[in-house]
PDB file of all heavy atoms in Angstrom:
ATOM      1  N   SER A   1       0.851  -1.191   0.000  1.00  0.00           N
ATOM      2  CA  SER A   1       0.000   0.000   0.000  1.00  0.00           C
ATOM      3  C   SER A   1       0.888   1.242   0.000  1.00  0.00           C
ATOM      4  O   SER A   1       2.094   1.175   0.279  1.00  0.00           O
ATOM      5  CB  SER A   1      -0.897   0.007   1.235  1.00  0.00           C
ATOM      6  OG  SER A   1      -0.115   0.179   2.409  1.00  0.00           O
ATOM      7  N   THR A   2       0.331   2.372  -0.312  1.00  0.00           N
ATOM      8  CA  THR A   2       1.102   3.617  -0.349  1.00  0.00           C
ATOM      9  C   THR A   2       1.790   3.878   0.981  1.00  0.00           C
ATOM     10  O   THR A   2       2.986   4.197   1.039  1.00  0.00           O
ATOM     11  CB  THR A   2       0.183   4.797  -0.705  1.00  0.00           C
ATOM     12  OG1 THR A   2      -0.417   4.554  -1.983  1.00  0.00           O
ATOM     13  CG2 THR A   2       0.966   6.098  -0.755  1.00  0.00           C
ATOM     14  N   GLU A   3       1.049   3.750   2.074  1.00  0.00           N
ATOM     15  CA  GLU A   3       1.634   3.992   3.387  1.00  0.00           C
ATOM     16  C   GLU A   3       2.633   2.924   3.768  1.00  0.00           C
ATOM     17  O   GLU A   3       3.670   3.211   4.392  1.00  0.00           O
ATOM     18  CB  GLU A   3       0.521   4.087   4.434  1.00  0.00           C
ATOM     19  CG  GLU A   3      -0.324   5.333   4.318  1.00  0.00           C
ATOM     20  CD  GLU A   3       0.522   6.602   4.355  1.00  0.00           C
ATOM     21  OE1 GLU A   3       1.419   6.704   5.228  1.00  0.00           O
ATOM     22  OE2 GLU A   3       0.303   7.498   3.510  1.00  0.00           O
ATOM     23  N   GLY A   4       2.345   1.665   3.408  1.00  0.00           N
ATOM     24  CA  GLY A   4       3.267   0.584   3.723  1.00  0.00           C
ATOM     25  C   GLY A   4       4.604   0.760   3.024  1.00  0.00           C
ATOM     26  O   GLY A   4       5.671   0.545   3.621  1.00  0.00           O
ATOM     27  N   LEU A   5       4.574   1.160   1.756  1.00  0.00           N
ATOM     28  CA  LEU A   5       5.810   1.376   1.013  1.00  0.00           C
ATOM     29  C   LEU A   5       6.598   2.546   1.579  1.00  0.00           C
ATOM     30  O   LEU A   5       7.833   2.493   1.683  1.00  0.00           O
ATOM     31  CB  LEU A   5       5.491   1.595  -0.468  1.00  0.00           C
ATOM     32  CG  LEU A   5       4.994   0.354  -1.227  1.00  0.00           C
ATOM     33  CD1 LEU A   5       4.505   0.730  -2.610  1.00  0.00           C
ATOM     34  CD2 LEU A   5       6.093  -0.708  -1.328  1.00  0.00           C
ATOM     35  N   LYS A   6       5.907   3.627   1.949  1.00  0.00           N
ATOM     36  CA  LYS A   6       6.598   4.776   2.554  1.00  0.00           C
ATOM     37  C   LYS A   6       7.293   4.352   3.841  1.00  0.00           C
ATOM     38  O   LYS A   6       8.438   4.723   4.098  1.00  0.00           O
ATOM     39  CB  LYS A   6       5.602   5.894   2.843  1.00  0.00           C
ATOM     40  CG  LYS A   6       5.115   6.646   1.618  1.00  0.00           C
ATOM     41  CD  LYS A   6       4.167   7.752   2.048  1.00  0.00           C
ATOM     42  CE  LYS A   6       3.594   8.492   0.855  1.00  0.00           C
ATOM     43  NZ  LYS A   6       2.647   9.552   1.272  1.00  0.00           N
ATOM     44  N   ARG A   7       6.587   3.567   4.646  1.00  0.00           N
ATOM     45  CA  ARG A   7       7.138   3.170   5.943  1.00  0.00           C
ATOM     46  C   ARG A   7       8.396   2.314   5.774  1.00  0.00           C
ATOM     47  O   ARG A   7       9.410   2.563   6.425  1.00  0.00           O
ATOM     48  CB  ARG A   7       6.079   2.390   6.731  1.00  0.00           C
ATOM     49  CG  ARG A   7       6.577   1.817   8.058  1.00  0.00           C
ATOM     50  CD  ARG A   7       5.440   1.204   8.851  1.00  0.00           C
ATOM     51  NE  ARG A   7       4.749   0.161   8.113  1.00  0.00           N
ATOM     52  CZ  ARG A   7       5.161  -1.104   8.040  1.00  0.00           C
ATOM     53  NH1 ARG A   7       6.287  -1.466   8.658  1.00  0.00           N
ATOM     54  NH2 ARG A   7       4.467  -2.001   7.375  1.00  0.00           N
ATOM     55  N   ILE A   8       8.331   1.339   4.874  1.00  0.00           N
ATOM     56  CA  ILE A   8       9.478   0.429   4.764  1.00  0.00           C
ATOM     57  C   ILE A   8      10.637   1.067   3.999  1.00  0.00           C
ATOM     58  O   ILE A   8      11.807   0.824   4.302  1.00  0.00           O
ATOM     59  CB  ILE A   8       9.042  -0.911   4.139  1.00  0.00           C
ATOM     60  CG1 ILE A   8      10.026  -2.016   4.539  1.00  0.00           C
ATOM     61  CG2 ILE A   8       8.917  -0.820   2.608  1.00  0.00           C
ATOM     62  CD1 ILE A   8       9.498  -3.417   4.343  1.00  0.00           C
ATOM     63  N   LEU A   9      10.326   1.943   3.032  1.00  0.00           N
ATOM     64  CA  LEU A   9      11.401   2.613   2.301  1.00  0.00           C
ATOM     65  C   LEU A   9      12.138   3.623   3.169  1.00  0.00           C
ATOM     66  O   LEU A   9      13.296   3.964   2.894  1.00  0.00           O
ATOM     67  CB  LEU A   9      10.847   3.304   1.058  1.00  0.00           C
ATOM     68  CG  LEU A   9      10.473   2.389  -0.117  1.00  0.00           C
ATOM     69  CD1 LEU A   9       9.823   3.194  -1.233  1.00  0.00           C
ATOM     70  CD2 LEU A   9      11.698   1.649  -0.656  1.00  0.00           C
ATOM     71  N   SER A  10      11.486   4.089   4.229  1.00  0.00           N
ATOM     72  CA  SER A  10      12.140   5.053   5.118  1.00  0.00           C
ATOM     73  C   SER A  10      13.352   4.442   5.811  1.00  0.00           C
ATOM     74  O   SER A  10      14.208   5.166   6.324  1.00  0.00           O
ATOM     75  CB  SER A  10      11.147   5.573   6.163  1.00  0.00           C
ATOM     76  OG  SER A  10      10.746   4.526   7.038  1.00  0.00           O
ATOM     77  N   ILE A  11      13.441   3.117   5.818  1.00  0.00           N
ATOM     78  CA  ILE A  11      14.610   2.446   6.390  1.00  0.00           C
ATOM     79  C   ILE A  11      15.855   2.750   5.563  1.00  0.00           C
ATOM     80  O   ILE A  11      16.960   2.854   6.106  1.00  0.00           O
ATOM     81  CB  ILE A  11      14.378   0.918   6.438  1.00  0.00           C
ATOM     82  CG1 ILE A  11      13.179   0.585   7.327  1.00  0.00           C
ATOM     83  CG2 ILE A  11      15.617   0.183   6.906  1.00  0.00           C
ATOM     84  CD1 ILE A  11      12.767  -0.881   7.279  1.00  0.00           C
ATOM     85  N   ALA A  12      15.670   2.929   4.244  1.00  0.00           N
ATOM     86  CA  ALA A  12      16.812   3.035   3.338  1.00  0.00           C
ATOM     87  C   ALA A  12      17.014   4.411   2.734  1.00  0.00           C
ATOM     88  O   ALA A  12      18.064   4.663   2.137  1.00  0.00           O
ATOM     89  CB  ALA A  12      16.661   2.012   2.206  1.00  0.00           C
ATOM     90  N   MET A  13      16.024   5.315   2.861  1.00  0.00           N
ATOM     91  CA  MET A  13      16.163   6.626   2.212  1.00  0.00           C
ATOM     92  C   MET A  13      15.435   7.699   3.017  1.00  0.00           C
ATOM     93  O   MET A  13      14.477   7.406   3.741  1.00  0.00           O
ATOM     94  CB  MET A  13      15.626   6.561   0.775  1.00  0.00           C
ATOM     95  CG  MET A  13      14.145   6.261   0.660  1.00  0.00           C
ATOM     96  SD  MET A  13      13.614   5.964  -1.047  1.00  0.00           S
ATOM     97  CE  MET A  13      14.470   4.448  -1.426  1.00  0.00           C
ATOM     98  N   PRO A  14      15.856   8.965   2.891  1.00  0.00           N
ATOM     99  CA  PRO A  14      15.280  10.027   3.715  1.00  0.00           C
ATOM    100  C   PRO A  14      13.898  10.503   3.279  1.00  0.00           C
ATOM    101  O   PRO A  14      13.139  11.014   4.106  1.00  0.00           O
ATOM    102  CB  PRO A  14      16.302  11.159   3.596  1.00  0.00           C
ATOM    103  CG  PRO A  14      16.971  10.919   2.283  1.00  0.00           C
ATOM    104  CD  PRO A  14      17.015   9.422   2.120  1.00  0.00           C
ATOM    105  N   ASP A  15      13.569  10.382   1.993  1.00  0.00           N
ATOM    106  CA  ASP A  15      12.297  10.921   1.503  1.00  0.00           C
ATOM    107  C   ASP A  15      11.574   9.870   0.649  1.00  0.00           C
ATOM    108  O   ASP A  15      11.507   9.981  -0.573  1.00  0.00           O
ATOM    109  CB  ASP A  15      12.547  12.194   0.685  1.00  0.00           C
ATOM    110  CG  ASP A  15      11.250  12.847   0.225  1.00  0.00           C
ATOM    111  OD1 ASP A  15      10.172  12.510   0.777  1.00  0.00           O
ATOM    112  OD2 ASP A  15      11.301  13.686  -0.705  1.00  0.00           O
ATOM    113  N   PRO A  16      11.014   8.851   1.271  1.00  0.00           N
ATOM    114  CA  PRO A  16      10.376   7.766   0.511  1.00  0.00           C
ATOM    115  C   PRO A  16       9.158   8.212  -0.282  1.00  0.00           C
ATOM    116  O   PRO A  16       8.817   7.584  -1.282  1.00  0.00           O
ATOM    117  CB  PRO A  16       9.993   6.762   1.598  1.00  0.00           C
ATOM    118  CG  PRO A  16       9.904   7.556   2.844  1.00  0.00           C
ATOM    119  CD  PRO A  16      10.943   8.610   2.728  1.00  0.00           C
ATOM    120  N   ALA A  17       8.511   9.289   0.116  1.00  0.00           N
ATOM    121  CA  ALA A  17       7.304   9.741  -0.583  1.00  0.00           C
ATOM    122  C   ALA A  17       7.597  10.153  -2.017  1.00  0.00           C
ATOM    123  O   ALA A  17       6.725  10.069  -2.889  1.00  0.00           O
ATOM    124  CB  ALA A  17       6.656  10.893   0.176  1.00  0.00           C
ATOM    125  N   SER A  18       8.834  10.590  -2.283  1.00  0.00           N
ATOM    126  CA  SER A  18       9.165  11.062  -3.634  1.00  0.00           C
ATOM    127  C   SER A  18       9.731   9.957  -4.521  1.00  0.00           C
ATOM    128  O   SER A  18      10.055  10.192  -5.693  1.00  0.00           O
ATOM    129  CB  SER A  18      10.172  12.209  -3.556  1.00  0.00           C
ATOM    130  OG  SER A  18      11.413  11.749  -3.026  1.00  0.00           O
ATOM    131  N   ALA A  19       9.864   8.743  -3.976  1.00  0.00           N
ATOM    132  CA  ALA A  19      10.422   7.640  -4.765  1.00  0.00           C
ATOM    133  C   ALA A  19       9.479   7.278  -5.910  1.00  0.00           C
ATOM    134  O   ALA A  19       8.269   7.138  -5.716  1.00  0.00           O
ATOM    135  CB  ALA A  19      10.652   6.431  -3.869  1.00  0.00           C
ATOM    136  N   ARG A  20      10.015   7.100  -7.094  1.00  0.00           N
ATOM    137  CA  ARG A  20       9.232   6.771  -8.293  1.00  0.00           C
ATOM    138  C   ARG A  20       9.217   5.241  -8.460  1.00  0.00           C
ATOM    139  O   ARG A  20      10.070   4.666  -9.121  1.00  0.00           O
ATOM    140  CB  ARG A  20       9.815   7.472  -9.503  1.00  0.00           C
ATOM    141  CG  ARG A  20       9.836   9.000  -9.365  1.00  0.00           C
ATOM    142  CD  ARG A  20      10.498   9.657 -10.552  1.00  0.00           C
ATOM    143  NE  ARG A  20       9.770   9.398 -11.784  1.00  0.00           N
ATOM    144  CZ  ARG A  20      10.221   9.749 -12.998  1.00  0.00           C
ATOM    145  NH1 ARG A  20      11.393  10.358 -13.123  1.00  0.00           N
ATOM    146  NH2 ARG A  20       9.506   9.470 -14.066  1.00  0.00           N
ATOM    147  N   ILE A  21       8.243   4.616  -7.853  1.00  0.00           N
ATOM    148  CA  ILE A  21       8.194   3.155  -7.783  1.00  0.00           C
ATOM    149  C   ILE A  21       7.706   2.549  -9.101  1.00  0.00           C
ATOM    150  O   ILE A  21       6.674   2.961  -9.647  1.00  0.00           O
ATOM    151  CB  ILE A  21       7.292   2.714  -6.615  1.00  0.00           C
ATOM    152  CG1 ILE A  21       7.898   3.191  -5.283  1.00  0.00           C
ATOM    153  CG2 ILE A  21       7.109   1.198  -6.602  1.00  0.00           C
ATOM    154  CD1 ILE A  21       6.996   2.965  -4.084  1.00  0.00           C
ATOM    155  N   ILE A  22       8.453   1.570  -9.598  1.00  0.00           N
ATOM    156  CA  ILE A  22       8.059   0.844 -10.808  1.00  0.00           C
ATOM    157  C   ILE A  22       7.087  -0.264 -10.446  1.00  0.00           C
ATOM    158  O   ILE A  22       6.039  -0.422 -11.058  1.00  0.00           O
ATOM    159  CB  ILE A  22       9.292   0.239 -11.512  1.00  0.00           C
ATOM    160  CG1 ILE A  22      10.281   1.346 -11.915  1.00  0.00           C
ATOM    161  CG2 ILE A  22       8.872  -0.580 -12.725  1.00  0.00           C
ATOM    162  CD1 ILE A  22      11.611   0.804 -12.428  1.00  0.00           C
ATOM    163  N   ARG A  23       7.439  -1.029  -9.424  1.00  0.00           N
ATOM    164  CA  ARG A  23       6.583  -2.131  -8.994  1.00  0.00           C
ATOM    165  C   ARG A  23       7.009  -2.582  -7.613  1.00  0.00           C
ATOM    166  O   ARG A  23       8.122  -2.298  -7.153  1.00  0.00           O
ATOM    167  CB  ARG A  23       6.655  -3.305  -9.954  1.00  0.00           C
ATOM    168  CG  ARG A  23       8.038  -3.977  -9.978  1.00  0.00           C
ATOM    169  CD  ARG A  23       7.956  -5.480  -9.804  1.00  0.00           C
ATOM    170  NE  ARG A  23       9.286  -6.068  -9.698  1.00  0.00           N
ATOM    171  CZ  ARG A  23       9.525  -7.352  -9.601  1.00  0.00           C
ATOM    172  NH1 ARG A  23       8.538  -8.208  -9.611  1.00  0.00           N
ATOM    173  NH2 ARG A  23      10.748  -7.820  -9.481  1.00  0.00           N
ATOM    174  N   SER A  24       6.109  -3.293  -6.944  1.00  0.00           N
ATOM    175  CA  SER A  24       6.419  -3.906  -5.653  1.00  0.00           C
ATOM    176  C   SER A  24       5.631  -5.206  -5.544  1.00  0.00           C
ATOM    177  O   SER A  24       4.499  -5.293  -6.011  1.00  0.00           O
ATOM    178  CB  SER A  24       6.055  -2.968  -4.495  1.00  0.00           C
ATOM    179  OG  SER A  24       4.667  -2.686  -4.493  1.00  0.00           O
ATOM    180  N   ARG A  25       6.235  -6.193  -4.945  1.00  0.00           N
ATOM    181  CA  ARG A  25       5.551  -7.467  -4.738  1.00  0.00           C
ATOM    182  C   ARG A  25       6.300  -8.286  -3.680  1.00  0.00           C
ATOM    183  O   ARG A  25       7.478  -8.029  -3.412  1.00  0.00           O
ATOM    184  CB  ARG A  25       5.439  -8.279  -6.026  1.00  0.00           C
ATOM    185  CG  ARG A  25       6.750  -8.659  -6.648  1.00  0.00           C
ATOM    186  CD  ARG A  25       6.584  -9.636  -7.789  1.00  0.00           C
ATOM    187  NE  ARG A  25       6.099 -10.926  -7.333  1.00  0.00           N
ATOM    188  CZ  ARG A  25       6.062 -12.014  -8.107  1.00  0.00           C
ATOM    189  NH1 ARG A  25       6.454 -11.934  -9.376  1.00  0.00           N
ATOM    190  NH2 ARG A  25       5.623 -13.155  -7.637  1.00  0.00           N
ATOM    191  N   VAL A  26       5.605  -9.244  -3.112  1.00  0.00           N
ATOM    192  CA  VAL A  26       6.195 -10.134  -2.115  1.00  0.00           C
ATOM    193  C   VAL A  26       6.453 -11.490  -2.760  1.00  0.00           C
ATOM    194  O   VAL A  26       5.614 -11.991  -3.519  1.00  0.00           O
ATOM    195  CB  VAL A  26       5.265 -10.291  -0.892  1.00  0.00           C
ATOM    196  CG1 VAL A  26       5.784 -11.380   0.048  1.00  0.00           C
ATOM    197  CG2 VAL A  26       5.162  -8.963  -0.135  1.00  0.00           C
ATOM    198  N   TYR A  27       7.619 -12.063  -2.502  1.00  0.00           N
ATOM    199  CA  TYR A  27       7.904 -13.401  -3.017  1.00  0.00           C
ATOM    200  C   TYR A  27       8.550 -14.233  -1.912  1.00  0.00           C
ATOM    201  O   TYR A  27       9.004 -13.709  -0.889  1.00  0.00           O
ATOM    202  CB  TYR A  27       8.801 -13.351  -4.253  1.00  0.00           C
ATOM    203  CG  TYR A  27      10.204 -12.858  -3.983  1.00  0.00           C
ATOM    204  CD1 TYR A  27      11.217 -13.750  -3.674  1.00  0.00           C
ATOM    205  CD2 TYR A  27      10.507 -11.500  -4.041  1.00  0.00           C
ATOM    206  CE1 TYR A  27      12.498 -13.320  -3.422  1.00  0.00           C
ATOM    207  CE2 TYR A  27      11.796 -11.051  -3.785  1.00  0.00           C
ATOM    208  CZ  TYR A  27      12.780 -11.962  -3.480  1.00  0.00           C
ATOM    209  OH  TYR A  27      14.046 -11.519  -3.216  1.00  0.00           O
ATOM    210  N   THR A  28       8.582 -15.528  -2.141  1.00  0.00           N
ATOM    211  CA  THR A  28       9.126 -16.480  -1.176  1.00  0.00           C
ATOM    212  C   THR A  28      10.344 -17.182  -1.780  1.00  0.00           C
ATOM    213  O   THR A  28      10.340 -17.514  -2.967  1.00  0.00           O
ATOM    214  CB  THR A  28       8.060 -17.537  -0.800  1.00  0.00           C
ATOM    215  OG1 THR A  28       6.897 -16.865  -0.315  1.00  0.00           O
ATOM    216  CG2 THR A  28       8.582 -18.475   0.280  1.00  0.00           C
ATOM    217  N   HIS A  29      11.372 -17.378  -0.965  1.00  0.00           N
ATOM    218  CA  HIS A  29      12.563 -18.083  -1.438  1.00  0.00           C
ATOM    219  C   HIS A  29      12.267 -19.573  -1.621  1.00  0.00           C
ATOM    220  O   HIS A  29      11.588 -20.186  -0.800  1.00  0.00           O
ATOM    221  CB  HIS A  29      13.699 -17.932  -0.434  1.00  0.00           C
ATOM    222  CG  HIS A  29      14.367 -16.597  -0.498  1.00  0.00           C
ATOM    223  ND1 HIS A  29      15.421 -16.261   0.314  1.00  0.00           N
ATOM    224  CD2 HIS A  29      14.131 -15.510  -1.272  1.00  0.00           C
ATOM    225  CE1 HIS A  29      15.810 -15.033   0.040  1.00  0.00           C
ATOM    226  NE2 HIS A  29      15.040 -14.559  -0.907  1.00  0.00           N
ATOM    227  N   HIS A  30      12.808 -20.146  -2.690  1.00  0.00           N
ATOM    228  CA  HIS A  30      12.663 -21.574  -2.959  1.00  0.00           C
ATOM    229  C   HIS A  30      14.042 -22.194  -3.138  1.00  0.00           C
ATOM    230  O   HIS A  30      14.968 -21.547  -3.634  1.00  0.00           O
ATOM    231  CB  HIS A  30      11.845 -21.816  -4.232  1.00  0.00           C
ATOM    232  CG  HIS A  30      10.444 -21.300  -4.163  1.00  0.00           C
ATOM    233  ND1 HIS A  30       9.404 -22.022  -3.637  1.00  0.00           N
ATOM    234  CD2 HIS A  30       9.917 -20.114  -4.563  1.00  0.00           C
ATOM    235  CE1 HIS A  30       8.286 -21.315  -3.707  1.00  0.00           C
ATOM    236  NE2 HIS A  30       8.570 -20.159  -4.268  1.00  0.00           N
ATOM    237  N   ALA A  31      14.174 -23.432  -2.757  1.00  0.00           N
ATOM    238  CA  ALA A  31      15.387 -24.212  -3.014  1.00  0.00           C
ATOM    239  C   ALA A  31      14.929 -25.582  -3.486  1.00  0.00           C
ATOM    240  O   ALA A  31      14.690 -26.487  -2.678  1.00  0.00           O
ATOM    241  CB  ALA A  31      16.240 -24.314  -1.757  1.00  0.00           C
ATOM    242  N   ARG A  32      14.785 -25.739  -4.791  1.00  0.00           N
ATOM    243  CA  ARG A  32      14.224 -26.975  -5.345  1.00  0.00           C
ATOM    244  C   ARG A  32      15.015 -27.432  -6.568  1.00  0.00           C
ATOM    245  O   ARG A  32      15.550 -26.614  -7.320  1.00  0.00           O
ATOM    246  CB  ARG A  32      12.758 -26.787  -5.709  1.00  0.00           C
ATOM    247  CG  ARG A  32      11.860 -26.531  -4.502  1.00  0.00           C
ATOM    248  CD  ARG A  32      10.392 -26.464  -4.900  1.00  0.00           C
ATOM    249  NE  ARG A  32       9.539 -26.219  -3.748  1.00  0.00           N
ATOM    250  CZ  ARG A  32       9.070 -27.171  -2.954  1.00  0.00           C
ATOM    251  NH1 ARG A  32       9.364 -28.424  -3.205  1.00  0.00           N
ATOM    252  NH2 ARG A  32       8.302 -26.868  -1.930  1.00  0.00           N
ATOM    253  N   LEU A  33      15.032 -28.751  -6.742  1.00  0.00           N
ATOM    254  CA  LEU A  33      15.767 -29.354  -7.850  1.00  0.00           C
ATOM    255  C   LEU A  33      14.952 -30.503  -8.413  1.00  0.00           C
ATOM    256  O   LEU A  33      14.517 -31.391  -7.675  1.00  0.00           O
ATOM    257  CB  LEU A  33      17.124 -29.861  -7.350  1.00  0.00           C
ATOM    258  CG  LEU A  33      18.087 -30.463  -8.374  1.00  0.00           C
ATOM    259  CD1 LEU A  33      18.559 -29.401  -9.352  1.00  0.00           C
ATOM    260  CD2 LEU A  33      19.283 -31.093  -7.656  1.00  0.00           C
ATOM    261  N   ALA A  34      14.731 -30.476  -9.732  1.00  0.00           N
ATOM    262  CA  ALA A  34      13.988 -31.569 -10.366  1.00  0.00           C
ATOM    263  C   ALA A  34      14.762 -32.877 -10.202  1.00  0.00           C
ATOM    264  O   ALA A  34      15.991 -32.913 -10.312  1.00  0.00           O
ATOM    265  CB  ALA A  34      13.768 -31.267 -11.843  1.00  0.00           C
ATOM    266  N   LYS A  35      14.037 -33.953  -9.938  1.00  0.00           N
ATOM    267  CA  LYS A  35      14.678 -35.252  -9.734  1.00  0.00           C
ATOM    268  C   LYS A  35      15.375 -35.729 -10.997  1.00  0.00           C
ATOM    269  O   LYS A  35      16.353 -36.493 -10.938  1.00  0.00           O
ATOM    270  CB  LYS A  35      13.643 -36.285  -9.282  1.00  0.00           C
ATOM    271  CG  LYS A  35      14.250 -37.590  -8.804  1.00  0.00           C
ATOM    272  CD  LYS A  35      13.228 -38.488  -8.144  1.00  0.00           C
ATOM    273  CE  LYS A  35      13.890 -39.742  -7.588  1.00  0.00           C
ATOM    274  NZ  LYS A  35      12.904 -40.611  -6.897  1.00  0.00           N
ATOM    275  N   ALA A  36      14.898 -35.295 -12.155  1.00  0.00           N
ATOM    276  CA  ALA A  36      15.540 -35.609 -13.431  1.00  0.00           C
ATOM    277  C   ALA A  36      15.371 -34.404 -14.343  1.00  0.00           C
ATOM    278  O   ALA A  36      14.416 -33.642 -14.212  1.00  0.00           O
ATOM    279  CB  ALA A  36      14.926 -36.852 -14.063  1.00  0.00           C
TER     280      ALA A  36
END
């Protein structure tokens, strides 16, 4: 959300409101290998 992105980006930059965001999404790490 707009507020959620501002809050978390404030960890890394002083003015998150002016950041020109291309996209945001949540993903999960995987460690998988096909058996063949």
